[in-house]
C-alpha atoms as a PDB file:
ATOM      1  CA  MET A   1      74.697   6.334 -60.189  1.00  0.00           C
ATOM      2  CA  ASP A   2      72.698   5.278 -57.176  1.00  0.00           C
ATOM      3  CA  ALA A   3      75.919   4.535 -55.382  1.00  0.00           C
ATOM      4  CA  MET A   4      77.061   8.261 -55.748  1.00  0.00           C
ATOM      5  CA  ILE A   5      73.680   9.429 -54.480  1.00  0.00           C
ATOM      6  CA  GLU A   6      73.783   7.097 -51.547  1.00  0.00           C
ATOM      7  CA  ARG A   7      77.445   8.172 -50.366  1.00  0.00           C
ATOM      8  CA  GLY A   8      76.539  11.685 -50.313  1.00  0.00           C
ATOM      9  CA  GLN A   9      73.354  11.253 -48.312  1.00  0.00           C
ATOM     10  CA  ASN A  10      75.026   9.387 -45.562  1.00  0.00           C
ATOM     11  CA  GLY A  11      76.542  12.640 -44.002  1.00  0.00           C
ATOM     12  CA  GLU A  12      80.020  12.360 -44.998  1.00  0.00           C
ATOM     13  CA  ALA A  13      81.746  15.135 -46.657  1.00  0.00           C
ATOM     14  CA  THR A  14      83.160  14.590 -49.968  1.00  0.00           C
ATOM     15  CA  ASP A  15      86.261  16.590 -51.568  1.00  0.00           C
ATOM     16  CA  LYS A  16      83.823  18.098 -53.586  1.00  0.00           C
ATOM     17  CA  ASP A  17      81.974  19.339 -50.806  1.00  0.00           C
ATOM     18  CA  THR A  18      85.008  20.602 -48.961  1.00  0.00           C
ATOM     19  CA  LEU A  19      86.253  22.442 -52.034  1.00  0.00           C
ATOM     20  CA  MET A  20      82.975  24.264 -52.354  1.00  0.00           C
ATOM     21  CA  LEU A  21      83.175  25.387 -48.909  1.00  0.00           C
ATOM     22  CA  MET A  22      86.589  26.749 -48.894  1.00  0.00           C
ATOM     23  CA  SER A  23      86.209  28.559 -52.269  1.00  0.00           C
ATOM     24  CA  GLY A  24      82.875  30.146 -50.950  1.00  0.00           C
ATOM     25  CA  LEU A  25      84.702  31.036 -47.594  1.00  0.00           C
ATOM     26  CA  ALA A  26      87.534  32.464 -50.077  1.00  0.00           C
ATOM     27  CA  LEU A  27      85.108  34.512 -52.141  1.00  0.00           C
ATOM     28  CA  VAL A  28      83.750  36.087 -48.737  1.00  0.00           C
ATOM     29  CA  VAL A  29      87.040  36.891 -47.646  1.00  0.00           C
ATOM     30  CA  PHE A  30      88.125  38.410 -50.801  1.00  0.00           C
ATOM     31  CA  GLY A  31      84.808  40.606 -51.078  1.00  0.00           C
ATOM     32  CA  ALA A  32      85.237  41.984 -47.561  1.00  0.00           C
ATOM     33  CA  GLY A  33      88.589  42.887 -48.641  1.00  0.00           C
ATOM     34  CA  LEU A  34      87.401  44.730 -51.616  1.00  0.00           C
ATOM     35  CA  ILE A  35      84.809  46.642 -49.986  1.00  0.00           C
ATOM     36  CA  LEU A  36      86.855  47.570 -46.781  1.00  0.00           C
ATOM     37  CA  SER A  37      89.515  48.762 -49.417  1.00  0.00           C
ATOM     38  CA  ASN A  38      87.235  51.591 -50.380  1.00  0.00           C
ATOM     39  CA  ARG A  39      88.038  55.153 -49.010  1.00  0.00           C
ATOM     40  CA  SER A  40      84.612  56.016 -48.395  1.00  0.00           C
ATOM     41  CA  VAL A  41      83.785  52.869 -46.499  1.00  0.00           C
ATOM     42  CA  ARG A  42      86.876  53.199 -44.309  1.00  0.00           C
ATOM     43  CA  ARG A  43      85.873  56.720 -43.495  1.00  0.00           C
ATOM     44  CA  TYR A  44      82.451  55.585 -42.430  1.00  0.00           C
ATOM     45  CA  ILE A  45      83.467  52.706 -40.507  1.00  0.00           C
ATOM     46  CA  GLY A  46      86.089  55.272 -38.576  1.00  0.00           C
ATOM     47  CA  GLN A  47      83.233  57.676 -37.966  1.00  0.00           C
ATOM     48  CA  MET A  48      80.762  55.123 -36.584  1.00  0.00           C
ATOM     49  CA  GLY A  49      83.346  52.654 -34.890  1.00  0.00           C
ATOM     50  CA  PRO A  50      82.890  48.682 -34.530  1.00  0.00           C
ATOM     51  CA  GLY A  51      80.759  49.260 -31.467  1.00  0.00           C
ATOM     52  CA  GLY A  52      78.154  51.255 -33.507  1.00  0.00           C
ATOM     53  CA  LEU A  53      78.332  48.620 -36.391  1.00  0.00           C
ATOM     54  CA  LEU A  54      77.489  45.840 -34.147  1.00  0.00           C
ATOM     55  CA  GLN A  55      74.610  47.661 -32.186  1.00  0.00           C
ATOM     56  CA  ALA A  56      73.048  48.520 -35.697  1.00  0.00           C
ATOM     57  CA  ALA A  57      73.320  44.808 -36.821  1.00  0.00           C
ATOM     58  CA  VAL A  58      71.760  43.152 -33.788  1.00  0.00           C
ATOM     59  CA  PRO A  59      68.107  44.113 -34.792  1.00  0.00           C
ATOM     60  CA  ASP A  60      68.885  42.626 -38.227  1.00  0.00           C
ATOM     61  CA  VAL A  61      70.306  39.334 -36.730  1.00  0.00           C
ATOM     62  CA  GLU A  62      67.397  38.956 -34.273  1.00  0.00           C
ATOM     63  CA  ARG A  63      64.708  39.517 -37.158  1.00  0.00           C
ATOM     64  CA  TYR A  64      66.865  36.834 -39.139  1.00  0.00           C
ATOM     65  CA  MET A  65      66.522  34.337 -36.134  1.00  0.00           C
ATOM     66  CA  LYS A  66      62.975  34.991 -35.992  1.00  0.00           C
ATOM     67  CA  LEU A  67      62.209  34.003 -39.693  1.00  0.00           C
ATOM     68  CA  ARG A  68      64.456  31.140 -39.338  1.00  0.00           C
ATOM     69  CA  ALA A  69      62.699  29.603 -36.492  1.00  0.00           C
ATOM     70  CA  MET A  70      59.259  29.793 -38.348  1.00  0.00           C
END
């Protein structure tokens, strides 16, 4: 049991870690696809435009970075 714990702590990625990373990425892409396939979401994005969405997201990202730096 101790050998398994030490192997994971020395910084090497295991197959399980890679599988978890890829499955999480697949879930994010699938979820974004589900959200963007909704008519009302597409209409809202079309009205606002990608530039407006990025401008609206900047204050949230800045707040997140400040919280993370604490």
